Amino acid sequence: YIYSKALGENMILKYSGNLPICIVRPSIVT
């Protein structure tokens, strides 16, 4: 899970282009 989420962030960095884009990183959601 954690590994694939890290890869997901890498994908954001690669394919964001000029899009207005952000990443929200929640911790342990209760």
PDB file of all heavy atoms in Angstrom:
ATOM      1  N   TYR A   1       0.832  -1.204   0.000  1.00  0.00           N
ATOM      2  CA  TYR A   1       0.000   0.000   0.000  1.00  0.00           C
ATOM      3  C   TYR A   1       0.868   1.256   0.000  1.00  0.00           C
ATOM      4  O   TYR A   1       0.718   2.132  -0.861  1.00  0.00           O
ATOM      5  CB  TYR A   1      -0.934   0.004   1.214  1.00  0.00           C
ATOM      6  CG  TYR A   1      -1.551   1.357   1.495  1.00  0.00           C
ATOM      7  CD1 TYR A   1      -2.438   1.938   0.596  1.00  0.00           C
ATOM      8  CD2 TYR A   1      -1.234   2.071   2.654  1.00  0.00           C
ATOM      9  CE1 TYR A   1      -2.994   3.190   0.842  1.00  0.00           C
ATOM     10  CE2 TYR A   1      -1.790   3.319   2.911  1.00  0.00           C
ATOM     11  CZ  TYR A   1      -2.662   3.865   2.001  1.00  0.00           C
ATOM     12  OH  TYR A   1      -3.199   5.098   2.240  1.00  0.00           O
ATOM     13  N   ILE A   2       1.764   1.355   0.970  1.00  0.00           N
ATOM     14  CA  ILE A   2       2.622   2.539   1.070  1.00  0.00           C
ATOM     15  C   ILE A   2       3.507   2.667  -0.167  1.00  0.00           C
ATOM     16  O   ILE A   2       3.678   3.765  -0.717  1.00  0.00           O
ATOM     17  CB  ILE A   2       3.499   2.462   2.340  1.00  0.00           C
ATOM     18  CG1 ILE A   2       2.621   2.397   3.604  1.00  0.00           C
ATOM     19  CG2 ILE A   2       4.435   3.658   2.417  1.00  0.00           C
ATOM     20  CD1 ILE A   2       1.811   3.619   3.877  1.00  0.00           C
ATOM     21  N   TYR A   3       4.061   1.550  -0.617  1.00  0.00           N
ATOM     22  CA  TYR A   3       4.943   1.565  -1.786  1.00  0.00           C
ATOM     23  C   TYR A   3       4.202   2.081  -3.019  1.00  0.00           C
ATOM     24  O   TYR A   3       4.711   2.942  -3.753  1.00  0.00           O
ATOM     25  CB  TYR A   3       5.469   0.157  -2.028  1.00  0.00           C
ATOM     26  CG  TYR A   3       6.389   0.031  -3.215  1.00  0.00           C
ATOM     27  CD1 TYR A   3       7.645   0.630  -3.215  1.00  0.00           C
ATOM     28  CD2 TYR A   3       6.011  -0.703  -4.339  1.00  0.00           C
ATOM     29  CE1 TYR A   3       8.504   0.507  -4.312  1.00  0.00           C
ATOM     30  CE2 TYR A   3       6.859  -0.833  -5.431  1.00  0.00           C
ATOM     31  CZ  TYR A   3       8.088  -0.224  -5.414  1.00  0.00           C
ATOM     32  OH  TYR A   3       8.935  -0.350  -6.493  1.00  0.00           O
ATOM     33  N   SER A   4       2.984   1.571  -3.235  1.00  0.00           N
ATOM     34  CA  SER A   4       2.229   1.980  -4.423  1.00  0.00           C
ATOM     35  C   SER A   4       1.774   3.442  -4.327  1.00  0.00           C
ATOM     36  O   SER A   4       1.678   4.133  -5.345  1.00  0.00           O
ATOM     37  CB  SER A   4       1.021   1.055  -4.638  1.00  0.00           C
ATOM     38  OG  SER A   4       0.145   1.090  -3.522  1.00  0.00           O
ATOM     39  N   LYS A   5       1.520   3.929  -3.110  1.00  0.00           N
ATOM     40  CA  LYS A   5       1.161   5.345  -2.953  1.00  0.00           C
ATOM     41  C   LYS A   5       2.375   6.233  -3.249  1.00  0.00           C
ATOM     42  O   LYS A   5       2.216   7.333  -3.801  1.00  0.00           O
ATOM     43  CB  LYS A   5       0.633   5.613  -1.547  1.00  0.00           C
ATOM     44  CG  LYS A   5      -0.700   4.944  -1.239  1.00  0.00           C
ATOM     45  CD  LYS A   5      -1.811   5.363  -2.176  1.00  0.00           C
ATOM     46  CE  LYS A   5      -2.381   6.718  -1.838  1.00  0.00           C
ATOM     47  NZ  LYS A   5      -3.541   7.061  -2.712  1.00  0.00           N
ATOM     48  N   ALA A   6       3.563   5.768  -2.892  1.00  0.00           N
ATOM     49  CA  ALA A   6       4.781   6.514  -3.234  1.00  0.00           C
ATOM     50  C   ALA A   6       4.964   6.553  -4.752  1.00  0.00           C
ATOM     51  O   ALA A   6       5.336   7.593  -5.320  1.00  0.00           O
ATOM     52  CB  ALA A   6       5.992   5.884  -2.566  1.00  0.00           C
ATOM     53  N   LEU A   7       4.675   5.434  -5.407  1.00  0.00           N
ATOM     54  CA  LEU A   7       4.749   5.388  -6.870  1.00  0.00           C
ATOM     55  C   LEU A   7       3.691   6.307  -7.493  1.00  0.00           C
ATOM     56  O   LEU A   7       3.935   6.941  -8.521  1.00  0.00           O
ATOM     57  CB  LEU A   7       4.535   3.952  -7.371  1.00  0.00           C
ATOM     58  CG  LEU A   7       5.677   2.962  -7.139  1.00  0.00           C
ATOM     59  CD1 LEU A   7       5.237   1.558  -7.527  1.00  0.00           C
ATOM     60  CD2 LEU A   7       6.923   3.365  -7.927  1.00  0.00           C
ATOM     61  N   GLY A   8       2.538   6.389  -6.855  1.00  0.00           N
ATOM     62  CA  GLY A   8       1.483   7.283  -7.338  1.00  0.00           C
ATOM     63  C   GLY A   8       1.930   8.734  -7.327  1.00  0.00           C
ATOM     64  O   GLY A   8       1.632   9.496  -8.251  1.00  0.00           O
ATOM     65  N   GLU A   9       2.650   9.124  -6.288  1.00  0.00           N
ATOM     66  CA  GLU A   9       3.180  10.487  -6.228  1.00  0.00           C
ATOM     67  C   GLU A   9       4.215  10.718  -7.329  1.00  0.00           C
ATOM     68  O   GLU A   9       4.300  11.799  -7.906  1.00  0.00           O
ATOM     69  CB  GLU A   9       3.789  10.754  -4.851  1.00  0.00           C
ATOM     70  CG  GLU A   9       2.767  10.853  -3.737  1.00  0.00           C
ATOM     71  CD  GLU A   9       3.325  11.482  -2.468  1.00  0.00           C
ATOM     72  OE1 GLU A   9       4.459  12.009  -2.523  1.00  0.00           O
ATOM     73  OE2 GLU A   9       2.629  11.470  -1.437  1.00  0.00           O
ATOM     74  N   ASN A  10       4.993   9.681  -7.612  1.00  0.00           N
ATOM     75  CA  ASN A  10       5.961   9.771  -8.698  1.00  0.00           C
ATOM     76  C   ASN A  10       5.249   9.977 -10.032  1.00  0.00           C
ATOM     77  O   ASN A  10       5.698  10.759 -10.881  1.00  0.00           O
ATOM     78  CB  ASN A  10       6.814   8.493  -8.737  1.00  0.00           C
ATOM     79  CG  ASN A  10       7.821   8.488  -9.876  1.00  0.00           C
ATOM     80  OD1 ASN A  10       7.555   7.939 -10.940  1.00  0.00           O
ATOM     81  ND2 ASN A  10       8.961   9.110  -9.654  1.00  0.00           N
ATOM     82  N   MET A  11       4.114   9.320 -10.194  1.00  0.00           N
ATOM     83  CA  MET A  11       3.332   9.467 -11.423  1.00  0.00           C
ATOM     84  C   MET A  11       2.785  10.888 -11.545  1.00  0.00           C
ATOM     85  O   MET A  11       2.740  11.458 -12.645  1.00  0.00           O
ATOM     86  CB  MET A  11       2.189   8.445 -11.420  1.00  0.00           C
ATOM     87  CG  MET A  11       1.548   8.225 -12.763  1.00  0.00           C
ATOM     88  SD  MET A  11       2.686   7.516 -13.999  1.00  0.00           S
ATOM     89  CE  MET A  11       2.613   5.777 -13.599  1.00  0.00           C
ATOM     90  N   ILE A  12       2.362  11.465 -10.442  1.00  0.00           N
ATOM     91  CA  ILE A  12       1.885  12.858 -10.434  1.00  0.00           C
ATOM     92  C   ILE A  12       2.989  13.792 -10.930  1.00  0.00           C
ATOM     93  O   ILE A  12       2.763  14.691 -11.747  1.00  0.00           O
ATOM     94  CB  ILE A  12       1.452  13.276  -9.012  1.00  0.00           C
ATOM     95  CG1 ILE A  12       0.216  12.500  -8.559  1.00  0.00           C
ATOM     96  CG2 ILE A  12       1.195  14.787  -8.938  1.00  0.00           C
ATOM     97  CD1 ILE A  12      -1.059  12.876  -9.248  1.00  0.00           C
ATOM     98  N   LEU A  13       4.189  13.571 -10.453  1.00  0.00           N
ATOM     99  CA  LEU A  13       5.322  14.414 -10.823  1.00  0.00           C
ATOM    100  C   LEU A  13       5.636  14.300 -12.314  1.00  0.00           C
ATOM    101  O   LEU A  13       5.980  15.280 -12.972  1.00  0.00           O
ATOM    102  CB  LEU A  13       6.548  14.009  -9.989  1.00  0.00           C
ATOM    103  CG  LEU A  13       7.644  15.048  -9.769  1.00  0.00           C
ATOM    104  CD1 LEU A  13       7.099  16.323  -9.158  1.00  0.00           C
ATOM    105  CD2 LEU A  13       8.739  14.467  -8.874  1.00  0.00           C
ATOM    106  N   LYS A  14       5.471  13.090 -12.863  1.00  0.00           N
ATOM    107  CA  LYS A  14       5.816  12.850 -14.263  1.00  0.00           C
ATOM    108  C   LYS A  14       4.789  13.400 -15.247  1.00  0.00           C
ATOM    109  O   LYS A  14       5.140  13.900 -16.312  1.00  0.00           O
ATOM    110  CB  LYS A  14       5.958  11.339 -14.512  1.00  0.00           C
ATOM    111  CG  LYS A  14       7.217  10.719 -13.964  1.00  0.00           C
ATOM    112  CD  LYS A  14       7.402   9.309 -14.492  1.00  0.00           C
ATOM    113  CE  LYS A  14       7.701   9.304 -15.974  1.00  0.00           C
ATOM    114  NZ  LYS A  14       7.977   7.938 -16.490  1.00  0.00           N
ATOM    115  N   TYR A  15       3.508  13.280 -14.913  1.00  0.00           N
ATOM    116  CA  TYR A  15       2.464  13.545 -15.900  1.00  0.00           C
ATOM    117  C   TYR A  15       1.561  14.741 -15.558  1.00  0.00           C
ATOM    118  O   TYR A  15       0.495  14.901 -16.139  1.00  0.00           O
ATOM    119  CB  TYR A  15       1.601  12.296 -16.098  1.00  0.00           C
ATOM    120  CG  TYR A  15       2.337  11.195 -16.811  1.00  0.00           C
ATOM    121  CD1 TYR A  15       2.972  10.186 -16.095  1.00  0.00           C
ATOM    122  CD2 TYR A  15       2.438  11.173 -18.200  1.00  0.00           C
ATOM    123  CE1 TYR A  15       3.666   9.166 -16.736  1.00  0.00           C
ATOM    124  CE2 TYR A  15       3.131  10.163 -18.857  1.00  0.00           C
ATOM    125  CZ  TYR A  15       3.742   9.165 -18.118  1.00  0.00           C
ATOM    126  OH  TYR A  15       4.441   8.165 -18.768  1.00  0.00           O
ATOM    127  N   SER A  16       1.991  15.560 -14.630  1.00  0.00           N
ATOM    128  CA  SER A  16       1.167  16.712 -14.257  1.00  0.00           C
ATOM    129  C   SER A  16       1.170  17.791 -15.327  1.00  0.00           C
ATOM    130  O   SER A  16       0.188  18.531 -15.487  1.00  0.00           O
ATOM    131  CB  SER A  16       1.653  17.301 -12.936  1.00  0.00           C
ATOM    132  OG  SER A  16       3.008  17.690 -13.043  1.00  0.00           O
ATOM    133  N   GLY A  17       2.277  17.908 -16.061  1.00  0.00           N
ATOM    134  CA  GLY A  17       2.361  18.935 -17.098  1.00  0.00           C
ATOM    135  C   GLY A  17       2.126  20.319 -16.527  1.00  0.00           C
ATOM    136  O   GLY A  17       2.711  20.693 -15.513  1.00  0.00           O
ATOM    137  N   ASN A  18       1.239  21.063 -17.148  1.00  0.00           N
ATOM    138  CA  ASN A  18       0.900  22.405 -16.657  1.00  0.00           C
ATOM    139  C   ASN A  18      -0.413  22.433 -15.871  1.00  0.00           C
ATOM    140  O   ASN A  18      -0.973  23.503 -15.632  1.00  0.00           O
ATOM    141  CB  ASN A  18       0.805  23.378 -17.841  1.00  0.00           C
ATOM    142  CG  ASN A  18       2.169  23.615 -18.467  1.00  0.00           C
ATOM    143  OD1 ASN A  18       3.168  23.726 -17.763  1.00  0.00           O
ATOM    144  ND2 ASN A  18       2.196  23.685 -19.793  1.00  0.00           N
ATOM    145  N   LEU A  19      -0.901  21.256 -15.492  1.00  0.00           N
ATOM    146  CA  LEU A  19      -2.156  21.206 -14.750  1.00  0.00           C
ATOM    147  C   LEU A  19      -2.023  21.877 -13.380  1.00  0.00           C
ATOM    148  O   LEU A  19      -1.011  21.713 -12.705  1.00  0.00           O
ATOM    149  CB  LEU A  19      -2.577  19.746 -14.516  1.00  0.00           C
ATOM    150  CG  LEU A  19      -3.080  18.920 -15.701  1.00  0.00           C
ATOM    151  CD1 LEU A  19      -3.308  17.487 -15.245  1.00  0.00           C
ATOM    152  CD2 LEU A  19      -4.376  19.509 -16.252  1.00  0.00           C
ATOM    153  N   PRO A  20      -3.050  22.601 -12.955  1.00  0.00           N
ATOM    154  CA  PRO A  20      -3.098  23.011 -11.547  1.00  0.00           C
ATOM    155  C   PRO A  20      -3.355  21.734 -10.727  1.00  0.00           C
ATOM    156  O   PRO A  20      -4.416  21.117 -10.868  1.00  0.00           O
ATOM    157  CB  PRO A  20      -4.283  23.963 -11.481  1.00  0.00           C
ATOM    158  CG  PRO A  20      -4.587  24.313 -12.904  1.00  0.00           C
ATOM    159  CD  PRO A  20      -4.172  23.141 -13.719  1.00  0.00           C
ATOM    160  N   ILE A  21      -2.410  21.337  -9.932  1.00  0.00           N
ATOM    161  CA  ILE A  21      -2.507  20.045  -9.258  1.00  0.00           C
ATOM    162  C   ILE A  21      -1.819  20.100  -7.904  1.00  0.00           C
ATOM    163  O   ILE A  21      -0.839  20.840  -7.720  1.00  0.00           O
ATOM    164  CB  ILE A  21      -1.882  18.932 -10.148  1.00  0.00           C
ATOM    165  CG1 ILE A  21      -2.109  17.547  -9.551  1.00  0.00           C
ATOM    166  CG2 ILE A  21      -0.418  19.181 -10.407  1.00  0.00           C
ATOM    167  CD1 ILE A  21      -1.777  16.420 -10.524  1.00  0.00           C
ATOM    168  N   CYS A  22      -2.331  19.342  -6.960  1.00  0.00           N
ATOM    169  CA  CYS A  22      -1.712  19.278  -5.637  1.00  0.00           C
ATOM    170  C   CYS A  22      -1.858  17.860  -5.079  1.00  0.00           C
ATOM    171  O   CYS A  22      -2.633  17.044  -5.593  1.00  0.00           O
ATOM    172  CB  CYS A  22      -2.330  20.283  -4.679  1.00  0.00           C
ATOM    173  SG  CYS A  22      -4.034  19.904  -4.214  1.00  0.00           S
ATOM    174  N   ILE A  23      -1.105  17.598  -4.032  1.00  0.00           N
ATOM    175  CA  ILE A  23      -1.163  16.310  -3.337  1.00  0.00           C
ATOM    176  C   ILE A  23      -1.521  16.574  -1.878  1.00  0.00           C
ATOM    177  O   ILE A  23      -0.893  17.416  -1.226  1.00  0.00           O
ATOM    178  CB  ILE A  23       0.184  15.563  -3.422  1.00  0.00           C
ATOM    179  CG1 ILE A  23       0.516  15.209  -4.873  1.00  0.00           C
ATOM    180  CG2 ILE A  23       0.161  14.302  -2.553  1.00  0.00           C
ATOM    181  CD1 ILE A  23       1.912  14.617  -5.057  1.00  0.00           C
ATOM    182  N   VAL A  24      -2.522  15.876  -1.395  1.00  0.00           N
ATOM    183  CA  VAL A  24      -2.880  15.943   0.029  1.00  0.00           C
ATOM    184  C   VAL A  24      -2.476  14.628   0.674  1.00  0.00           C
ATOM    185  O   VAL A  24      -2.865  13.557   0.198  1.00  0.00           O
ATOM    186  CB  VAL A  24      -4.388  16.193   0.232  1.00  0.00           C
ATOM    187  CG1 VAL A  24      -4.719  16.233   1.724  1.00  0.00           C
ATOM    188  CG2 VAL A  24      -4.801  17.495  -0.433  1.00  0.00           C
ATOM    189  N   ARG A  25      -1.684  14.725   1.734  1.00  0.00           N
ATOM    190  CA  ARG A  25      -1.190  13.524   2.420  1.00  0.00           C
ATOM    191  C   ARG A  25      -1.798  13.424   3.833  1.00  0.00           C
ATOM    192  O   ARG A  25      -1.237  13.958   4.779  1.00  0.00           O
ATOM    193  CB  ARG A  25       0.331  13.573   2.559  1.00  0.00           C
ATOM    194  CG  ARG A  25       1.137  13.417   1.292  1.00  0.00           C
ATOM    195  CD  ARG A  25       2.599  13.458   1.679  1.00  0.00           C
ATOM    196  NE  ARG A  25       3.502  13.392   0.538  1.00  0.00           N
ATOM    197  CZ  ARG A  25       4.717  13.925   0.538  1.00  0.00           C
ATOM    198  NH1 ARG A  25       5.149  14.598   1.613  1.00  0.00           N
ATOM    199  NH2 ARG A  25       5.500  13.814  -0.521  1.00  0.00           N
ATOM    200  N   PRO A  26      -2.907  12.718   3.976  1.00  0.00           N
ATOM    201  CA  PRO A  26      -3.443  12.515   5.330  1.00  0.00           C
ATOM    202  C   PRO A  26      -2.626  11.447   6.066  1.00  0.00           C
ATOM    203  O   PRO A  26      -2.064  10.546   5.440  1.00  0.00           O
ATOM    204  CB  PRO A  26      -4.875  12.019   5.085  1.00  0.00           C
ATOM    205  CG  PRO A  26      -5.088  12.101   3.605  1.00  0.00           C
ATOM    206  CD  PRO A  26      -3.752  12.116   2.963  1.00  0.00           C
ATOM    207  N   SER A  27      -2.603  11.541   7.392  1.00  0.00           N
ATOM    208  CA  SER A  27      -1.932  10.503   8.172  1.00  0.00           C
ATOM    209  C   SER A  27      -2.934   9.380   8.448  1.00  0.00           C
ATOM    210  O   SER A  27      -3.646   8.964   7.543  1.00  0.00           O
ATOM    211  CB  SER A  27      -1.346  11.099   9.454  1.00  0.00           C
ATOM    212  OG  SER A  27      -2.327  11.814  10.191  1.00  0.00           O
ATOM    213  N   ILE A  28      -3.038   8.902   9.677  1.00  0.00           N
ATOM    214  CA  ILE A  28      -3.951   7.792   9.985  1.00  0.00           C
ATOM    215  C   ILE A  28      -5.347   8.380  10.203  1.00  0.00           C
ATOM    216  O   ILE A  28      -5.606   9.028  11.213  1.00  0.00           O
ATOM    217  CB  ILE A  28      -3.479   7.027  11.237  1.00  0.00           C
ATOM    218  CG1 ILE A  28      -2.046   6.509  11.033  1.00  0.00           C
ATOM    219  CG2 ILE A  28      -4.428   5.875  11.544  1.00  0.00           C
ATOM    220  CD1 ILE A  28      -1.422   5.913  12.289  1.00  0.00           C
ATOM    221  N   VAL A  29      -6.226   8.167   9.244  1.00  0.00           N
ATOM    222  CA  VAL A  29      -7.548   8.787   9.273  1.00  0.00           C
ATOM    223  C   VAL A  29      -8.474   7.988  10.187  1.00  0.00           C
ATOM    224  O   VAL A  29      -8.644   6.775  10.017  1.00  0.00           O
ATOM    225  CB  VAL A  29      -8.153   8.882   7.862  1.00  0.00           C
ATOM    226  CG1 VAL A  29      -9.478   9.642   7.902  1.00  0.00           C
ATOM    227  CG2 VAL A  29      -7.177   9.556   6.911  1.00  0.00           C
ATOM    228  N   THR A  30      -9.077   8.678  11.138  1.00  0.00           N
ATOM    229  CA  THR A  30      -9.980   8.036  12.086  1.00  0.00           C
ATOM    230  C   THR A  30     -11.378   8.649  11.968  1.00  0.00           C
ATOM    231  O   THR A  30     -11.637   9.412  11.047  1.00  0.00           O
ATOM    232  CB  THR A  30      -9.435   8.164  13.520  1.00  0.00           C
ATOM    233  OG1 THR A  30      -8.992   9.512  13.744  1.00  0.00           O
ATOM    234  CG2 THR A  30      -8.236   7.247  13.735  1.00  0.00           C
TER     235      THR A  30
END
